[in-house]
N, C-alpha and C. Protein backbone atom coordinates (compact mmCIF):
# COMPACT_ATOMS: atom_id res chain seq x y z
N UNK A 1 -18.07 9.12 0.27
CA UNK A 1 -17.12 9.42 0.24
C UNK A 1 -16.61 8.24 0.35
N UNK A 2 -16.69 7.30 -0.28
CA UNK A 2 -16.59 5.92 -0.81
C UNK A 2 -16.03 6.19 -2.27
N UNK A 3 -16.44 6.99 -3.43
CA UNK A 3 -16.46 7.05 -4.10
C UNK A 3 -15.33 8.19 -4.33
N UNK A 4 -15.23 9.56 -3.91
CA UNK A 4 -14.39 9.98 -3.53
C UNK A 4 -12.62 9.55 -3.11
N UNK A 5 -12.22 9.29 -2.32
CA UNK A 5 -11.59 8.25 -1.93
C UNK A 5 -10.93 7.36 -2.74
N UNK A 6 -11.91 6.73 -3.83
CA UNK A 6 -11.42 5.59 -4.93
C UNK A 6 -10.62 6.13 -6.09
N UNK A 7 -11.53 7.30 -6.18
CA UNK A 7 -10.92 7.99 -8.02
C UNK A 7 -9.73 8.27 -6.76
N UNK A 8 -9.71 9.64 -5.70
CA UNK A 8 -8.22 9.51 -5.22
C UNK A 8 -7.41 9.07 -5.38
N UNK A 9 -7.53 7.59 -4.92
CA UNK A 9 -6.22 6.59 -4.80
C UNK A 9 -6.03 5.56 -6.34
N UNK A 10 -6.88 5.78 -7.57
CA UNK A 10 -6.29 5.35 -8.59
C UNK A 10 -5.83 6.58 -8.91
N UNK A 11 -5.94 7.71 -8.56
CA UNK A 11 -5.44 9.14 -9.51
C UNK A 11 -4.04 8.97 -9.01
N UNK A 12 -3.84 8.41 -7.62
CA UNK A 12 -2.26 8.66 -6.94
C UNK A 12 -2.07 7.71 -7.19
N UNK A 13 -2.41 6.64 -6.99
CA UNK A 13 -1.56 5.06 -7.69
C UNK A 13 -1.37 6.20 -8.70
N UNK A 14 -1.84 6.46 -10.11
CA UNK A 14 -1.32 6.66 -11.85
C UNK A 14 -0.34 7.51 -11.52
N UNK A 15 -0.41 8.59 -10.91
CA UNK A 15 1.31 9.31 -10.32
C UNK A 15 1.51 8.98 -9.94
N UNK A 16 2.11 7.54 -9.26
CA UNK A 16 3.06 6.73 -8.80
C UNK A 16 3.72 6.60 -10.12
N UNK A 17 3.26 6.10 -10.66
CA UNK A 17 3.83 5.42 -11.60
C UNK A 17 4.15 5.66 -12.53
N UNK A 18 3.53 6.52 -13.21
CA UNK A 18 4.07 7.83 -13.94
C UNK A 18 5.03 8.67 -13.88
N UNK A 19 4.96 9.35 -13.12
CA UNK A 19 6.50 10.56 -12.57
C UNK A 19 7.36 9.88 -12.83
N UNK A 20 7.99 11.22 -14.13
CA UNK A 20 9.78 10.04 -14.03
C UNK A 20 10.82 10.86 -12.61
N UNK A 21 9.92 11.66 -12.11
CA UNK A 21 11.14 11.70 -11.11
C UNK A 21 10.69 11.59 -9.60
N UNK A 22 11.10 10.53 -8.79
CA UNK A 22 10.89 9.89 -8.29
C UNK A 22 10.59 10.44 -6.42
N UNK A 23 10.88 11.31 -6.18
CA UNK A 23 10.86 12.26 -5.72
C UNK A 23 8.99 12.18 -5.77
N UNK A 24 9.18 13.29 -6.71
CA UNK A 24 7.44 13.21 -6.89
C UNK A 24 6.30 11.76 -7.38
N UNK A 25 7.57 10.97 -7.68
CA UNK A 25 6.48 10.04 -7.89
C UNK A 25 6.62 9.11 -5.98
N UNK A 26 7.31 9.13 -5.04
CA UNK A 26 6.69 9.17 -3.60
C UNK A 26 6.11 10.00 -3.44
N UNK A 27 6.18 10.78 -3.22
CA UNK A 27 4.80 11.29 -3.17
C UNK A 27 3.69 11.29 -2.53
N UNK A 28 3.53 11.36 -4.57
CA UNK A 28 2.56 10.34 -5.28
C UNK A 28 1.52 8.95 -3.88
N UNK A 29 2.87 8.24 -4.07
CA UNK A 29 2.82 7.54 -3.05
C UNK A 29 1.14 8.14 -1.62
N UNK A 30 2.21 8.92 -1.28
CA UNK A 30 1.98 8.80 -0.31
C UNK A 30 0.23 9.62 -0.12
N UNK A 31 0.36 9.87 -1.14
CA UNK A 31 -0.87 10.34 -1.94
C UNK A 31 -1.70 9.13 -0.79
N UNK A 32 -2.03 8.44 -1.73
CA UNK A 32 -1.90 6.86 -1.51
C UNK A 32 -2.10 6.71 -0.97
N UNK A 33 -0.97 7.03 0.18
CA UNK A 33 -1.64 6.21 1.31
C UNK A 33 -2.83 6.35 2.02
N UNK A 34 -2.83 7.84 2.19
CA UNK A 34 -3.77 8.63 2.61
C UNK A 34 -4.96 8.22 2.13
N UNK A 35 -5.27 8.12 0.65
CA UNK A 35 -6.67 7.95 0.46
C UNK A 35 -6.96 7.04 0.57
N UNK A 36 -6.47 5.40 0.71
CA UNK A 36 -6.50 4.29 1.06
C UNK A 36 -7.23 4.01 2.72
N UNK A 37 -6.60 4.75 3.99
CA UNK A 37 -6.41 5.42 5.15
C UNK A 37 -7.58 6.13 4.49
N UNK A 38 -8.49 6.80 3.56
CA UNK A 38 -10.17 7.72 3.74
C UNK A 38 -10.65 6.36 3.47
N UNK A 39 -10.22 5.39 2.75
CA UNK A 39 -11.66 3.88 2.21
C UNK A 39 -11.20 3.28 3.60
N UNK A 40 -10.54 2.53 3.95
CA UNK A 40 -10.88 2.22 5.60
C UNK A 40 -11.56 2.59 6.43
N UNK A 41 -11.67 4.01 6.82
CA UNK A 41 -12.24 4.67 7.35
C UNK A 41 -13.77 4.45 7.14
N UNK A 42 -14.35 4.01 5.88
CA UNK A 42 -15.05 4.77 5.40
C UNK A 42 -15.93 3.72 4.93
N UNK A 43 -14.71 2.03 5.69
CA UNK A 43 -15.52 0.81 5.55
C UNK A 43 -15.54 0.88 7.38
N UNK A 44 -15.00 1.24 7.91
CA UNK A 44 -15.32 0.78 9.53
C UNK A 44 -14.35 -0.15 9.87
N UNK A 45 -12.81 0.52 9.71
CA UNK A 45 -11.80 -0.19 10.27
C UNK A 45 -11.29 0.90 10.34
N UNK A 46 -11.24 1.10 11.77
CA UNK A 46 -10.30 2.28 12.01
C UNK A 46 -8.95 1.86 12.52
N UNK A 47 -8.74 0.31 13.35
CA UNK A 47 -7.61 -0.21 13.68
C UNK A 47 -6.91 0.13 12.09
N UNK A 48 -7.40 -0.39 11.25
CA UNK A 48 -6.16 -0.48 10.20
C UNK A 48 -6.25 0.61 9.22
N UNK A 49 -6.98 1.83 9.79
CA UNK A 49 -6.30 3.04 9.34
C UNK A 49 -5.31 3.82 10.18
N UNK A 50 -5.48 3.61 11.02
CA UNK A 50 -4.81 4.60 13.17
C UNK A 50 -2.70 4.24 12.03
N UNK A 51 -3.46 2.22 11.98
CA UNK A 51 -2.12 1.22 11.47
C UNK A 51 -1.40 1.58 10.25
N UNK A 52 -2.04 1.98 9.29
CA UNK A 52 -1.97 2.87 7.52
C UNK A 52 -0.96 3.80 7.95
N UNK A 53 -1.51 4.97 8.33
CA UNK A 53 -1.73 6.10 8.76
C UNK A 53 0.09 6.48 9.33
N UNK A 54 0.70 5.50 10.86
CA UNK A 54 1.21 5.67 11.23
C UNK A 54 2.91 4.28 10.37
N UNK A 55 2.42 2.74 10.11
CA UNK A 55 3.41 2.57 9.80
C UNK A 55 3.30 2.87 8.37
N UNK A 56 2.63 3.62 6.67
CA UNK A 56 2.94 3.17 5.63
C UNK A 56 3.58 4.11 5.63
N UNK A 57 2.66 5.94 5.94
CA UNK A 57 2.69 6.64 5.60
C UNK A 57 3.39 7.26 5.92
N UNK A 58 4.04 7.07 6.82
CA UNK A 58 4.54 7.84 8.21
C UNK A 58 6.32 6.85 8.15
N UNK A 59 6.53 6.09 8.48
CA UNK A 59 7.30 4.98 8.82
C UNK A 59 8.04 4.67 7.66
N UNK A 60 7.46 4.06 6.56
CA UNK A 60 7.99 2.77 4.71
C UNK A 60 8.44 4.66 4.52
N UNK A 61 6.88 5.27 4.29
CA UNK A 61 7.72 6.28 3.29
C UNK A 61 8.88 7.09 3.25
N UNK A 62 8.65 7.32 5.19
CA UNK A 62 10.79 8.03 5.43
C UNK A 62 11.53 7.42 4.78
N UNK A 63 11.99 6.15 5.29
CA UNK A 63 12.62 5.40 4.93
C UNK A 63 12.61 5.34 2.93
N UNK A 64 11.87 5.04 2.01
CA UNK A 64 11.43 5.39 0.68
C UNK A 64 12.25 6.67 0.53
N UNK A 65 12.50 7.93 0.69
CA UNK A 65 12.43 8.58 0.97
C UNK A 65 13.84 9.26 0.80
N UNK A 66 14.69 8.36 2.03
CA UNK A 66 15.91 8.69 2.04
C UNK A 66 16.50 8.01 0.74
N UNK A 67 16.08 6.18 0.33
CA UNK A 67 16.93 5.59 0.26
C UNK A 67 16.85 6.12 -1.19
N UNK A 68 15.89 7.09 -2.00
CA UNK A 68 16.22 7.67 -3.01
C UNK A 68 17.14 9.22 -2.26
N UNK A 69 17.30 9.66 -1.78
CA UNK A 69 17.85 11.05 -1.40
C UNK A 69 19.32 10.34 -1.13
N UNK A 70 19.78 9.16 -0.71
CA UNK A 70 20.86 8.91 -0.70
C UNK A 70 21.51 7.82 -2.64
N UNK A 71 20.19 7.74 -2.43
CA UNK A 71 21.27 6.80 -4.62
C UNK A 71 21.31 8.11 -5.32
N UNK A 72 21.26 8.78 -4.86
CA UNK A 72 20.89 9.77 -5.25
C UNK A 72 20.92 9.35 -7.36
N UNK A 73 19.64 9.62 -7.15
CA UNK A 73 20.36 8.72 -9.42
C UNK A 73 19.41 9.94 -10.24
N UNK A 74 20.56 9.39 -11.19
CA UNK A 74 20.79 11.02 -12.30
C UNK A 74 19.52 10.87 -12.97
N UNK A 75 19.48 10.85 -14.11
CA UNK A 75 18.60 11.07 -15.58
C UNK A 75 18.83 9.69 -16.47
N UNK A 76 18.26 9.38 -17.01
CA UNK A 76 17.98 8.03 -17.78
C UNK A 76 17.64 8.85 -19.19
N UNK A 77 19.17 7.17 -19.56
CA UNK A 77 19.24 7.82 -21.46
C UNK A 77 17.91 6.80 -21.86
N UNK A 78 17.21 8.52 -22.40
CA UNK A 78 16.06 7.78 -24.11
C UNK A 78 16.31 7.11 -24.61
N UNK A 79 15.71 5.90 -24.20
CA UNK A 79 15.58 4.90 -25.91
C UNK A 79 14.45 5.07 -26.80
N UNK A 80 14.59 4.52 -28.33
CA UNK A 80 13.74 4.48 -29.82
C UNK A 80 12.32 3.39 -28.53
N UNK A 81 11.22 4.50 -28.53
CA UNK A 81 10.35 3.52 -27.91
C UNK A 81 8.92 3.47 -28.95
N UNK A 82 9.33 3.22 -30.48
CA UNK A 82 8.54 2.92 -31.68
C UNK A 82 7.28 1.43 -31.73
N UNK A 83 6.04 1.63 -31.28
CA UNK A 83 4.92 0.54 -31.05
C UNK A 83 5.23 -1.28 -30.66
N UNK A 84 6.62 -0.79 -29.23
CA UNK A 84 6.47 -2.29 -29.22
C UNK A 84 5.32 -2.92 -28.03
N UNK A 85 5.86 -3.84 -27.72
CA UNK A 85 4.86 -5.08 -27.00
C UNK A 85 4.31 -4.27 -25.78
N UNK A 86 4.97 -3.95 -24.89
CA UNK A 86 4.59 -2.66 -24.58
C UNK A 86 3.63 -2.36 -24.15
N UNK A 87 3.74 -1.21 -25.59
CA UNK A 87 3.32 0.08 -25.05
C UNK A 87 1.90 -0.91 -25.35
N UNK A 88 1.69 -1.03 -26.78
CA UNK A 88 0.29 -2.17 -27.14
C UNK A 88 -0.34 -2.90 -25.67
N UNK A 89 0.43 -3.72 -24.84
CA UNK A 89 -0.30 -4.05 -23.62
C UNK A 89 -0.96 -2.93 -22.73
N UNK A 90 -0.29 -2.16 -22.61
CA UNK A 90 -0.08 -1.07 -21.64
C UNK A 90 -1.66 -0.10 -22.12
N UNK A 91 -1.92 0.30 -23.51
CA UNK A 91 -2.90 -0.17 -24.08
C UNK A 91 -4.05 -0.38 -23.57
N UNK A 92 -4.08 -1.44 -23.82
CA UNK A 92 -5.17 -3.18 -24.02
C UNK A 92 -5.46 -2.90 -22.38
N UNK A 93 -4.85 -3.67 -21.68
CA UNK A 93 -5.45 -3.12 -20.17
C UNK A 93 -6.09 -1.34 -19.83
N UNK A 94 -4.94 -0.65 -20.23
CA UNK A 94 -5.70 0.58 -19.68
C UNK A 94 -7.42 0.57 -20.53
N UNK A 95 -7.45 0.28 -21.49
CA UNK A 95 -9.01 -0.24 -21.95
C UNK A 95 -9.87 -0.56 -21.00
N UNK A 96 -9.33 -2.38 -20.67
CA UNK A 96 -10.00 -3.10 -19.78
C UNK A 96 -10.18 -1.85 -18.44
N UNK A 97 -9.23 -1.25 -17.77
CA UNK A 97 -9.80 -0.47 -17.10
C UNK A 97 -10.70 0.15 -16.49
N UNK A 98 -10.95 1.36 -17.69
CA UNK A 98 -12.05 1.68 -17.62
C UNK A 98 -13.21 1.52 -17.81
N UNK A 99 -13.10 0.26 -19.69
CA UNK A 99 -14.36 -0.32 -19.04
C UNK A 99 -14.65 -1.11 -17.89
N UNK A 100 -13.84 -1.42 -16.81
CA UNK A 100 -14.14 -1.94 -15.85
C UNK A 100 -14.74 -1.06 -14.71
N UNK A 101 -13.82 -0.06 -14.21
CA UNK A 101 -14.28 1.10 -13.55
C UNK A 101 -16.01 1.79 -14.39
N UNK A 102 -16.62 1.66 -15.48
CA UNK A 102 -17.14 1.92 -16.13
C UNK A 102 -18.63 1.36 -15.45
N UNK A 103 -17.86 0.31 -15.68
CA UNK A 103 -19.27 -1.29 -15.75
C UNK A 103 -19.29 -1.36 -13.71
N UNK A 104 -19.03 -0.88 -12.86
CA UNK A 104 -18.58 -1.05 -11.56
C UNK A 104 -19.56 0.91 -11.13
N UNK A 105 -19.43 1.64 -11.99
CA UNK A 105 -20.84 3.01 -11.78
C UNK A 105 -21.85 3.51 -12.47
N UNK A 106 -21.71 2.61 -13.16
CA UNK A 106 -23.63 2.26 -14.24
C UNK A 106 -24.38 1.24 -13.51
N UNK A 107 -23.41 0.84 -12.54
CA UNK A 107 -24.72 -0.69 -12.57
C UNK A 107 -25.39 -0.90 -10.64
N UNK A 108 -26.47 -1.27 -11.22
CA UNK A 108 -26.92 -0.85 -10.10
C UNK A 108 -26.71 -1.71 -8.84
N UNK A 109 -27.07 -1.01 -7.85
CA UNK A 109 -26.18 -0.99 -6.59
C UNK A 109 -27.90 -2.99 -6.19
N UNK A 110 -26.51 -3.75 -5.20
CA UNK A 110 -27.84 -4.67 -5.38
C UNK A 110 -28.02 -5.04 -3.65
N UNK A 111 -27.01 -4.19 -2.88
CA UNK A 111 -28.12 -4.40 -1.45
C UNK A 111 -26.97 -5.37 -0.20
N UNK A 112 -26.14 -5.99 -1.62
CA UNK A 112 -25.27 -7.63 -0.58
C UNK A 112 -24.23 -6.81 -0.42
N UNK A 113 -23.64 -5.53 -0.83
CA UNK A 113 -22.13 -4.46 -0.87
C UNK A 113 -22.09 -3.89 1.06
N UNK A 114 -23.88 -4.44 1.32
CA UNK A 114 -23.96 -3.07 2.69
C UNK A 114 -23.45 -4.04 3.68
N UNK A 115 -22.92 -3.17 5.02
CA UNK A 115 -21.50 -2.94 6.35
C UNK A 115 -22.09 -4.04 7.21
N UNK A 116 -21.96 -4.69 7.45
CA UNK A 116 -22.55 -5.58 8.62
C UNK A 116 -23.23 -4.95 10.02
N UNK A 117 -23.68 -5.06 10.49
CA UNK A 117 -24.46 -4.20 11.75
C UNK A 117 -22.77 -4.31 12.98
N UNK A 118 -22.52 -4.93 13.06
CA UNK A 118 -21.52 -5.86 14.17
C UNK A 118 -19.85 -4.68 13.53
N UNK A 119 -19.90 -4.44 12.56
CA UNK A 119 -19.33 -3.70 11.92
C UNK A 119 -18.45 -2.17 12.41
N UNK A 120 -19.07 -1.75 13.21
CA UNK A 120 -18.18 -0.48 14.02
C UNK A 120 -17.31 -1.83 15.65
N UNK A 121 -18.51 -2.53 15.71
CA UNK A 121 -17.45 -3.74 16.27
C UNK A 121 -16.43 -3.81 16.22
N UNK A 122 -16.23 -4.37 14.61
CA UNK A 122 -14.98 -5.71 14.73
C UNK A 122 -13.58 -4.88 14.44
N UNK A 123 -14.28 -3.19 13.38
CA UNK A 123 -12.76 -2.33 13.48
C UNK A 123 -12.41 -1.67 14.12
N UNK A 124 -12.86 -2.37 15.71
CA UNK A 124 -11.89 -1.33 16.94
C UNK A 124 -10.67 -1.63 16.97
N UNK A 125 -9.92 -1.22 17.90
CA UNK A 125 -8.20 -1.82 18.48
C UNK A 125 -9.00 -3.03 19.70
N UNK A 126 -10.09 -2.43 20.55
CA UNK A 126 -9.95 -3.64 21.10
C UNK A 126 -10.82 -4.55 20.14
N UNK A 127 -11.64 -5.03 19.95
CA UNK A 127 -11.81 -6.26 18.49
C UNK A 127 -11.01 -6.87 18.11
N UNK A 128 -9.94 -6.49 17.79
CA UNK A 128 -9.26 -7.12 16.80
C UNK A 128 -7.94 -7.80 18.18
N UNK A 129 -7.70 -7.08 18.88
CA UNK A 129 -7.02 -7.48 20.04
C UNK A 129 -7.48 -8.30 20.81
N UNK A 130 -9.03 -8.34 21.23
CA UNK A 130 -8.92 -9.66 21.68
C UNK A 130 -9.32 -10.68 21.36
N UNK A 131 -8.99 -10.55 19.55
CA UNK A 131 -9.46 -11.84 18.37
C UNK A 131 -8.05 -12.39 18.43
N UNK A 132 -6.82 -11.28 18.50
CA UNK A 132 -5.30 -11.68 18.38
C UNK A 132 -5.07 -12.61 19.62
N UNK A 133 -5.71 -11.89 19.96
CA UNK A 133 -4.44 -13.16 22.10
C UNK A 133 -5.61 -13.85 22.28
N UNK A 134 -6.47 -14.55 21.98
CA UNK A 134 -7.55 -15.65 21.64
C UNK A 134 -7.37 -16.60 20.80
N UNK A 135 -7.95 -16.27 19.77
CA UNK A 135 -8.14 -17.56 18.66
C UNK A 135 -6.84 -17.38 18.04
N UNK A 136 -6.33 -16.40 17.82
CA UNK A 136 -4.79 -16.30 16.58
C UNK A 136 -3.40 -16.00 17.92
N UNK A 137 -3.94 -16.66 18.64
CA UNK A 137 -2.14 -16.22 19.19
C UNK A 137 -1.81 -17.28 19.75
N UNK A 138 -1.66 -18.62 19.07
CA UNK A 138 -0.84 -19.08 18.26
C UNK A 138 0.21 -19.29 17.17
N UNK A 139 -1.24 -18.45 16.16
CA UNK A 139 0.05 -17.64 15.02
C UNK A 139 0.84 -16.32 15.09
N UNK A 140 -0.17 -15.30 16.22
CA UNK A 140 0.80 -14.71 16.68
C UNK A 140 1.54 -14.59 17.02
N UNK A 141 2.29 -15.73 18.39
CA UNK A 141 3.15 -15.97 18.43
C UNK A 141 4.49 -16.67 17.35
N UNK A 142 3.24 -17.12 16.57
CA UNK A 142 5.19 -17.78 15.74
C UNK A 142 5.50 -16.39 14.38
N UNK A 143 4.34 -16.30 14.36
CA UNK A 143 5.14 -14.68 13.15
C UNK A 143 6.29 -13.66 14.24
N UNK A 144 5.71 -13.27 15.74
CA UNK A 144 6.72 -13.10 16.62
C UNK A 144 8.29 -13.74 16.60
N UNK A 145 8.00 -14.66 16.64
CA UNK A 145 8.82 -15.48 16.63
C UNK A 145 10.46 -15.47 15.44
N UNK A 146 9.84 -15.54 14.48
CA UNK A 146 9.40 -15.75 13.36
C UNK A 146 10.63 -14.01 13.07
N UNK A 147 10.39 -12.97 13.16
CA UNK A 147 10.38 -11.60 13.06
C UNK A 147 12.24 -11.57 14.51
N UNK A 148 11.89 -12.32 15.50
CA UNK A 148 12.97 -12.39 16.43
C UNK A 148 14.54 -12.53 15.59
N UNK A 149 13.00 -13.93 15.02
CA UNK A 149 15.57 -14.46 14.56
C UNK A 149 15.77 -14.35 13.25
N UNK A 150 14.33 -13.36 12.84
CA UNK A 150 15.34 -12.69 11.12
C UNK A 150 16.17 -11.55 11.87
N UNK A 151 15.51 -10.68 13.11
CA UNK A 151 16.11 -10.17 13.85
C UNK A 151 18.31 -9.95 14.47
N UNK A 152 17.85 -11.68 15.30
CA UNK A 152 19.29 -11.40 14.71
C UNK A 152 20.11 -11.93 13.87
N UNK A 153 19.65 -12.67 12.95
CA UNK A 153 20.00 -13.21 11.70
C UNK A 153 20.90 -12.20 11.66
N UNK A 154 20.00 -10.64 10.74
CA UNK A 154 20.80 -9.30 10.51
C UNK A 154 22.02 -8.74 11.46
N UNK A 155 21.50 -8.37 13.07
CA UNK A 155 22.47 -8.55 13.93
C UNK A 155 23.63 -8.69 13.59
N UNK A 156 24.43 -10.71 13.17
CA UNK A 156 24.45 -11.52 13.43
C UNK A 156 25.54 -11.10 11.76
N UNK A 157 25.02 -11.42 10.64
CA UNK A 157 25.12 -10.70 8.83
C UNK A 157 26.01 -9.70 9.36
N UNK A 158 25.30 -8.26 9.99
CA UNK A 158 25.90 -7.08 10.41
C UNK A 158 26.95 -6.93 11.32
N UNK A 159 27.55 -7.73 11.73
CA UNK A 159 28.51 -7.53 13.62
C UNK A 159 29.66 -7.90 12.26
N UNK A 160 29.21 -8.84 11.32
CA UNK A 160 30.27 -10.15 10.95
C UNK A 160 30.96 -8.96 9.88
N UNK A 161 30.06 -8.33 8.68
CA UNK A 161 30.50 -6.99 8.25
C UNK A 161 31.45 -6.54 8.78
N UNK A 162 31.25 -6.45 9.27
CA UNK A 162 31.97 -4.89 10.66
C UNK A 162 33.88 -5.47 11.44
N UNK A 163 33.11 -6.53 11.04
CA UNK A 163 35.21 -7.56 11.91
C UNK A 163 36.01 -7.87 10.67
N UNK A 164 35.47 -7.64 9.50
CA UNK A 164 35.59 -8.10 7.79
C UNK A 164 36.82 -7.34 7.76
N UNK A 165 35.98 -5.63 7.68
CA UNK A 165 36.83 -4.57 7.79
C UNK A 165 37.07 -3.75 7.98
């Protein structure tokens, strides 16, 4: 299953960056997020998979599609593209990617990449919450205060523009 999700993730990522239509690109990104969710599930990270679906495939992609529709992106003017540096670099990087993927597929497994026996316990919501509110309590609270300051700052900036206009 890991191989199926990995191939799907790579394919959907390629579709995301190669589509000319922004909506098709966004839908490919949604497919990529779901492939990543499958990869997380094969790695026994249930909480991260659930967050991936709820936050990224759900909320973030709704915002991205909303912005695409709001901007009403028109057609681009075509520029002549004859053998420039970007094309050459892209072909070289694509060749490197093919070599890396074929090396990974043809390599013999060593057993060093096996999951820990405690992988089922580590990826649960309970285990993440336990470590978040014990070992990492101070960084968690610091990030929450930072986000609160950013929220207050954005509200103040938004109110300032309302008064001026």
